[in-house]
């Protein structure tokens, strides 16, 4: 049977495809926050309302068309695909720019226009989104999750995760444990 998170993710993929837009890591992060809400009662309602408003804001932001031509837009999407597929061992910004036949400045500007962040920020979002999924869906240790998403140091992973999600990875995993079974 398909889990709620997998169903929601599949529905969002279909919706984004129908609208010819990609799901950004920021959107995935908000969805993850909704699915793993650690709060109860009125705090939960307030938190979920805030996350729903964040999703709406992200949709409006995505509807604004960046000042990029079709070739530049395709280049940025290609670079993003490379980062998504190689987030454990990503290329440097210079190497990534060469791989998609552009320069570092244009790559950074394009990422900011399309995704609202730099290539490094996009990479971090990809890593931490995958970390959320692993913590929710598996029983891997925090160290194993850190290594699986490209962090060589558990403490750096924990710091990034806490800054990104708002709670430490262990607390997140403990709140998400029922989803894994």
C-alpha atoms as a PDB file:
ATOM      1  CA  UNK A   1       0.000   0.000   0.000  1.00  0.00           C
ATOM      2  CA  UNK A   2       1.263   3.452  -0.875  1.00  0.00           C
ATOM      3  CA  UNK A   3       2.141   5.602   2.144  1.00  0.00           C
ATOM      4  CA  UNK A   4       0.577   9.017   2.624  1.00  0.00           C
ATOM      5  CA  UNK A   5       3.878  10.776   1.935  1.00  0.00           C
ATOM      6  CA  UNK A   6       4.468   8.777  -1.260  1.00  0.00           C
ATOM      7  CA  UNK A   7       0.895   9.501  -2.403  1.00  0.00           C
ATOM      8  CA  UNK A   8       1.257  13.220  -1.663  1.00  0.00           C
ATOM      9  CA  UNK A   9       4.609  13.326  -3.432  1.00  0.00           C
ATOM     10  CA  UNK A  10       3.215  11.487  -6.487  1.00  0.00           C
ATOM     11  CA  UNK A  11       0.228  13.853  -6.618  1.00  0.00           C
ATOM     12  CA  UNK A  12       2.512  16.875  -6.434  1.00  0.00           C
ATOM     13  CA  UNK A  13       4.719  15.495  -9.203  1.00  0.00           C
ATOM     14  CA  UNK A  14       1.633  15.041 -11.394  1.00  0.00           C
ATOM     15  CA  UNK A  15       0.384  18.538 -10.566  1.00  0.00           C
ATOM     16  CA  UNK A  16       3.757  20.124 -11.261  1.00  0.00           C
ATOM     17  CA  UNK A  17       4.067  18.215 -14.537  1.00  0.00           C
ATOM     18  CA  UNK A  18       0.616  19.365 -15.590  1.00  0.00           C
ATOM     19  CA  UNK A  19       1.636  22.937 -14.850  1.00  0.00           C
ATOM     20  CA  UNK A  20       5.019  22.405 -16.550  1.00  0.00           C
ATOM     21  CA  UNK A  21       6.929  23.429 -13.458  1.00  0.00           C
ATOM     22  CA  UNK A  22       9.349  21.493 -11.327  1.00  0.00           C
ATOM     23  CA  UNK A  23       9.095  20.907  -7.608  1.00  0.00           C
ATOM     24  CA  UNK A  24      11.812  22.910  -5.968  1.00  0.00           C
ATOM     25  CA  UNK A  25      13.667  21.677  -2.898  1.00  0.00           C
ATOM     26  CA  UNK A  26      11.987  24.503  -0.964  1.00  0.00           C
ATOM     27  CA  UNK A  27       8.569  23.083  -1.900  1.00  0.00           C
ATOM     28  CA  UNK A  28       9.707  19.575  -0.985  1.00  0.00           C
ATOM     29  CA  UNK A  29      10.981  20.881   2.368  1.00  0.00           C
ATOM     30  CA  UNK A  30       7.614  22.473   3.186  1.00  0.00           C
ATOM     31  CA  UNK A  31       5.818  19.259   2.222  1.00  0.00           C
ATOM     32  CA  UNK A  32       8.199  17.322   4.456  1.00  0.00           C
ATOM     33  CA  UNK A  33       7.472  19.752   7.291  1.00  0.00           C
ATOM     34  CA  UNK A  34       3.745  19.164   6.830  1.00  0.00           C
ATOM     35  CA  UNK A  35       4.116  15.383   6.764  1.00  0.00           C
ATOM     36  CA  UNK A  36       6.357  15.288   9.820  1.00  0.00           C
ATOM     37  CA  UNK A  37       4.653  17.922  11.973  1.00  0.00           C
ATOM     38  CA  UNK A  38       5.776  17.197  15.547  1.00  0.00           C
ATOM     39  CA  UNK A  39       3.102  19.360  17.228  1.00  0.00           C
ATOM     40  CA  UNK A  40      -0.354  18.598  18.626  1.00  0.00           C
ATOM     41  CA  UNK A  41      -3.582  20.536  19.142  1.00  0.00           C
ATOM     42  CA  UNK A  42      -3.778  24.242  18.375  1.00  0.00           C
ATOM     43  CA  UNK A  43      -0.010  24.470  17.896  1.00  0.00           C
ATOM     44  CA  UNK A  44      -0.316  21.827  15.167  1.00  0.00           C
ATOM     45  CA  UNK A  45      -3.124  23.743  13.423  1.00  0.00           C
ATOM     46  CA  UNK A  46      -1.122  26.971  13.555  1.00  0.00           C
ATOM     47  CA  UNK A  47       2.022  25.238  12.270  1.00  0.00           C
ATOM     48  CA  UNK A  48       0.169  23.507   9.421  1.00  0.00           C
ATOM     49  CA  UNK A  49      -1.560  26.762   8.465  1.00  0.00           C
ATOM     50  CA  UNK A  50       1.823  28.490   8.311  1.00  0.00           C
ATOM     51  CA  UNK A  51       3.251  25.688   6.152  1.00  0.00           C
ATOM     52  CA  UNK A  52       0.227  25.822   3.822  1.00  0.00           C
ATOM     53  CA  UNK A  53       0.753  29.573   3.428  1.00  0.00           C
ATOM     54  CA  UNK A  54       4.423  28.905   2.676  1.00  0.00           C
ATOM     55  CA  UNK A  55       3.362  26.480  -0.097  1.00  0.00           C
ATOM     56  CA  UNK A  56       1.047  29.104  -1.558  1.00  0.00           C
ATOM     57  CA  UNK A  57       3.824  31.709  -1.455  1.00  0.00           C
ATOM     58  CA  UNK A  58       6.191  29.299  -3.209  1.00  0.00           C
ATOM     59  CA  UNK A  59       3.596  28.670  -5.935  1.00  0.00           C
ATOM     60  CA  UNK A  60       3.147  32.402  -6.532  1.00  0.00           C
ATOM     61  CA  UNK A  61       6.906  32.854  -6.618  1.00  0.00           C
ATOM     62  CA  UNK A  62       7.209  30.045  -9.174  1.00  0.00           C
ATOM     63  CA  UNK A  63       4.561  31.651 -11.384  1.00  0.00           C
ATOM     64  CA  UNK A  64       6.682  34.776 -11.812  1.00  0.00           C
ATOM     65  CA  UNK A  65       8.652  34.190 -14.976  1.00  0.00           C
ATOM     66  CA  UNK A  66      12.390  34.770 -14.672  1.00  0.00           C
ATOM     67  CA  UNK A  67      14.163  36.926 -17.258  1.00  0.00           C
ATOM     68  CA  UNK A  68      15.798  33.923 -18.900  1.00  0.00           C
ATOM     69  CA  UNK A  69      15.474  32.750 -22.463  1.00  0.00           C
ATOM     70  CA  UNK A  70      14.544  29.139 -23.199  1.00  0.00           C
ATOM     71  CA  UNK A  71      18.174  28.076 -23.666  1.00  0.00           C
ATOM     72  CA  UNK A  72      19.265  29.605 -20.355  1.00  0.00           C
ATOM     73  CA  UNK A  73      16.291  28.046 -18.593  1.00  0.00           C
ATOM     74  CA  UNK A  74      17.125  24.622 -20.053  1.00  0.00           C
ATOM     75  CA  UNK A  75      20.739  25.072 -18.907  1.00  0.00           C
ATOM     76  CA  UNK A  76      19.642  25.834 -15.343  1.00  0.00           C
ATOM     77  CA  UNK A  77      17.279  22.849 -15.292  1.00  0.00           C
ATOM     78  CA  UNK A  78      20.076  20.625 -16.623  1.00  0.00           C
ATOM     79  CA  UNK A  79      22.432  21.871 -13.891  1.00  0.00           C
ATOM     80  CA  UNK A  80      19.756  21.252 -11.257  1.00  0.00           C
ATOM     81  CA  UNK A  81      19.265  17.702 -12.572  1.00  0.00           C
ATOM     82  CA  UNK A  82      23.010  17.092 -12.260  1.00  0.00           C
ATOM     83  CA  UNK A  83      22.976  18.324  -8.661  1.00  0.00           C
ATOM     84  CA  UNK A  84      19.943  16.160  -7.820  1.00  0.00           C
ATOM     85  CA  UNK A  85      21.578  13.061  -9.285  1.00  0.00           C
ATOM     86  CA  UNK A  86      25.022  13.710  -7.790  1.00  0.00           C
ATOM     87  CA  UNK A  87      24.170  15.319  -4.452  1.00  0.00           C
ATOM     88  CA  UNK A  88      26.309  12.861  -2.477  1.00  0.00           C
ATOM     89  CA  UNK A  89      29.441  13.736  -4.461  1.00  0.00           C
ATOM     90  CA  UNK A  90      28.575  16.890  -6.426  1.00  0.00           C
ATOM     91  CA  UNK A  91      30.759  18.705  -8.929  1.00  0.00           C
ATOM     92  CA  UNK A  92      32.233  22.071  -7.967  1.00  0.00           C
ATOM     93  CA  UNK A  93      30.391  25.153  -9.218  1.00  0.00           C
ATOM     94  CA  UNK A  94      33.079  25.677 -11.859  1.00  0.00           C
ATOM     95  CA  UNK A  95      32.833  22.066 -13.048  1.00  0.00           C
ATOM     96  CA  UNK A  96      29.037  22.225 -13.055  1.00  0.00           C
ATOM     97  CA  UNK A  97      29.112  25.419 -15.127  1.00  0.00           C
ATOM     98  CA  UNK A  98      31.450  23.749 -17.632  1.00  0.00           C
ATOM     99  CA  UNK A  99      29.240  20.646 -17.791  1.00  0.00           C
ATOM    100  CA  UNK A 100      26.259  22.755 -18.854  1.00  0.00           C
ATOM    101  CA  UNK A 101      28.288  25.098 -21.079  1.00  0.00           C
ATOM    102  CA  UNK A 102      27.878  28.312 -19.113  1.00  0.00           C
ATOM    103  CA  UNK A 103      29.915  30.357 -16.666  1.00  0.00           C
ATOM    104  CA  UNK A 104      29.762  30.531 -12.885  1.00  0.00           C
ATOM    105  CA  UNK A 105      28.123  33.968 -12.757  1.00  0.00           C
ATOM    106  CA  UNK A 106      25.362  33.049 -15.214  1.00  0.00           C
ATOM    107  CA  UNK A 107      24.793  29.763 -13.366  1.00  0.00           C
ATOM    108  CA  UNK A 108      24.413  31.558 -10.018  1.00  0.00           C
ATOM    109  CA  UNK A 109      22.116  34.211 -11.492  1.00  0.00           C
ATOM    110  CA  UNK A 110      20.018  31.573 -13.239  1.00  0.00           C
ATOM    111  CA  UNK A 111      19.612  29.506 -10.078  1.00  0.00           C
ATOM    112  CA  UNK A 112      18.553  32.600  -8.145  1.00  0.00           C
ATOM    113  CA  UNK A 113      15.993  33.472 -10.832  1.00  0.00           C
ATOM    114  CA  UNK A 114      14.560  29.962 -11.165  1.00  0.00           C
ATOM    115  CA  UNK A 115      14.963  28.441  -7.691  1.00  0.00           C
ATOM    116  CA  UNK A 116      15.451  31.469  -5.461  1.00  0.00           C
ATOM    117  CA  UNK A 117      18.810  30.219  -4.213  1.00  0.00           C
ATOM    118  CA  UNK A 118      22.353  29.524  -5.349  1.00  0.00           C
ATOM    119  CA  UNK A 119      23.486  26.171  -6.750  1.00  0.00           C
ATOM    120  CA  UNK A 120      25.040  25.450  -3.333  1.00  0.00           C
ATOM    121  CA  UNK A 121      21.741  26.298  -1.616  1.00  0.00           C
ATOM    122  CA  UNK A 122      19.885  24.059  -4.066  1.00  0.00           C
ATOM    123  CA  UNK A 123      22.349  21.238  -3.343  1.00  0.00           C
ATOM    124  CA  UNK A 124      21.890  21.708   0.417  1.00  0.00           C
ATOM    125  CA  UNK A 125      18.107  21.618  -0.044  1.00  0.00           C
ATOM    126  CA  UNK A 126      18.358  18.379  -2.062  1.00  0.00           C
ATOM    127  CA  UNK A 127      20.564  16.757   0.565  1.00  0.00           C
ATOM    128  CA  UNK A 128      18.401  17.768   3.491  1.00  0.00           C
ATOM    129  CA  UNK A 129      15.168  16.797   1.735  1.00  0.00           C
ATOM    130  CA  UNK A 130      16.610  13.335   1.126  1.00  0.00           C
ATOM    131  CA  UNK A 131      17.810  13.232   4.737  1.00  0.00           C
ATOM    132  CA  UNK A 132      14.249  13.970   5.894  1.00  0.00           C
ATOM    133  CA  UNK A 133      12.917  11.125   3.772  1.00  0.00           C
ATOM    134  CA  UNK A 134      15.565   8.718   5.066  1.00  0.00           C
ATOM    135  CA  UNK A 135      14.888   9.680   8.677  1.00  0.00           C
ATOM    136  CA  UNK A 136      11.130   9.235   8.160  1.00  0.00           C
ATOM    137  CA  UNK A 137      11.214   6.049   6.104  1.00  0.00           C
ATOM    138  CA  UNK A 138      14.200   4.063   7.373  1.00  0.00           C
ATOM    139  CA  UNK A 139      15.829   3.074  10.624  1.00  0.00           C
ATOM    140  CA  UNK A 140      19.283   4.284   9.595  1.00  0.00           C
ATOM    141  CA  UNK A 141      21.371   5.962  12.275  1.00  0.00           C
ATOM    142  CA  UNK A 142      21.945   9.709  12.110  1.00  0.00           C
ATOM    143  CA  UNK A 143      25.547   9.069  11.063  1.00  0.00           C
ATOM    144  CA  UNK A 144      24.429   6.701   8.268  1.00  0.00           C
ATOM    145  CA  UNK A 145      21.915   9.267   7.005  1.00  0.00           C
ATOM    146  CA  UNK A 146      24.574  12.000   7.095  1.00  0.00           C
ATOM    147  CA  UNK A 147      26.932   9.856   5.007  1.00  0.00           C
ATOM    148  CA  UNK A 148      24.131   8.788   2.629  1.00  0.00           C
ATOM    149  CA  UNK A 149      23.369  12.406   1.734  1.00  0.00           C
ATOM    150  CA  UNK A 150      26.951  13.569   1.324  1.00  0.00           C
ATOM    151  CA  UNK A 151      27.973  14.897   4.737  1.00  0.00           C
ATOM    152  CA  UNK A 152      31.281  13.496   5.974  1.00  0.00           C
ATOM    153  CA  UNK A 153      30.845  14.979   9.447  1.00  0.00           C
ATOM    154  CA  UNK A 154      27.825  14.118  11.595  1.00  0.00           C
ATOM    155  CA  UNK A 155      27.984  17.400  13.526  1.00  0.00           C
ATOM    156  CA  UNK A 156      27.944  19.504  10.338  1.00  0.00           C
ATOM    157  CA  UNK A 157      24.964  17.473   9.134  1.00  0.00           C
ATOM    158  CA  UNK A 158      23.149  17.945  12.449  1.00  0.00           C
ATOM    159  CA  UNK A 159      23.812  21.701  12.393  1.00  0.00           C
ATOM    160  CA  UNK A 160      22.585  22.047   8.793  1.00  0.00           C
ATOM    161  CA  UNK A 161      19.533  19.874   9.502  1.00  0.00           C
ATOM    162  CA  UNK A 162      18.610  21.824  12.635  1.00  0.00           C
ATOM    163  CA  UNK A 163      18.947  25.135  10.761  1.00  0.00           C
ATOM    164  CA  UNK A 164      16.897  23.810   7.809  1.00  0.00           C
ATOM    165  CA  UNK A 165      14.144  21.900   9.640  1.00  0.00           C
ATOM    166  CA  UNK A 166      14.100  23.563  13.045  1.00  0.00           C
ATOM    167  CA  UNK A 167      14.788  20.500  15.186  1.00  0.00           C
ATOM    168  CA  UNK A 168      17.736  18.158  15.456  1.00  0.00           C
ATOM    169  CA  UNK A 169      17.800  14.982  13.330  1.00  0.00           C
ATOM    170  CA  UNK A 170      17.311  12.608  16.282  1.00  0.00           C
ATOM    171  CA  UNK A 171      14.187  14.431  17.493  1.00  0.00           C
ATOM    172  CA  UNK A 172      12.876  14.527  13.914  1.00  0.00           C
ATOM    173  CA  UNK A 173      13.487  10.785  13.550  1.00  0.00           C
ATOM    174  CA  UNK A 174      11.754  10.015  16.849  1.00  0.00           C
ATOM    175  CA  UNK A 175       8.666  12.028  15.813  1.00  0.00           C
ATOM    176  CA  UNK A 176       8.670  10.376  12.375  1.00  0.00           C
ATOM    177  CA  UNK A 177       9.183   6.784  13.519  1.00  0.00           C
ATOM    178  CA  UNK A 178       5.518   5.756  13.086  1.00  0.00           C
ATOM    179  CA  UNK A 179       5.825   6.617   9.360  1.00  0.00           C
ATOM    180  CA  UNK A 180       8.629   4.074   8.945  1.00  0.00           C
ATOM    181  CA  UNK A 181       6.484   1.127  10.035  1.00  0.00           C
END
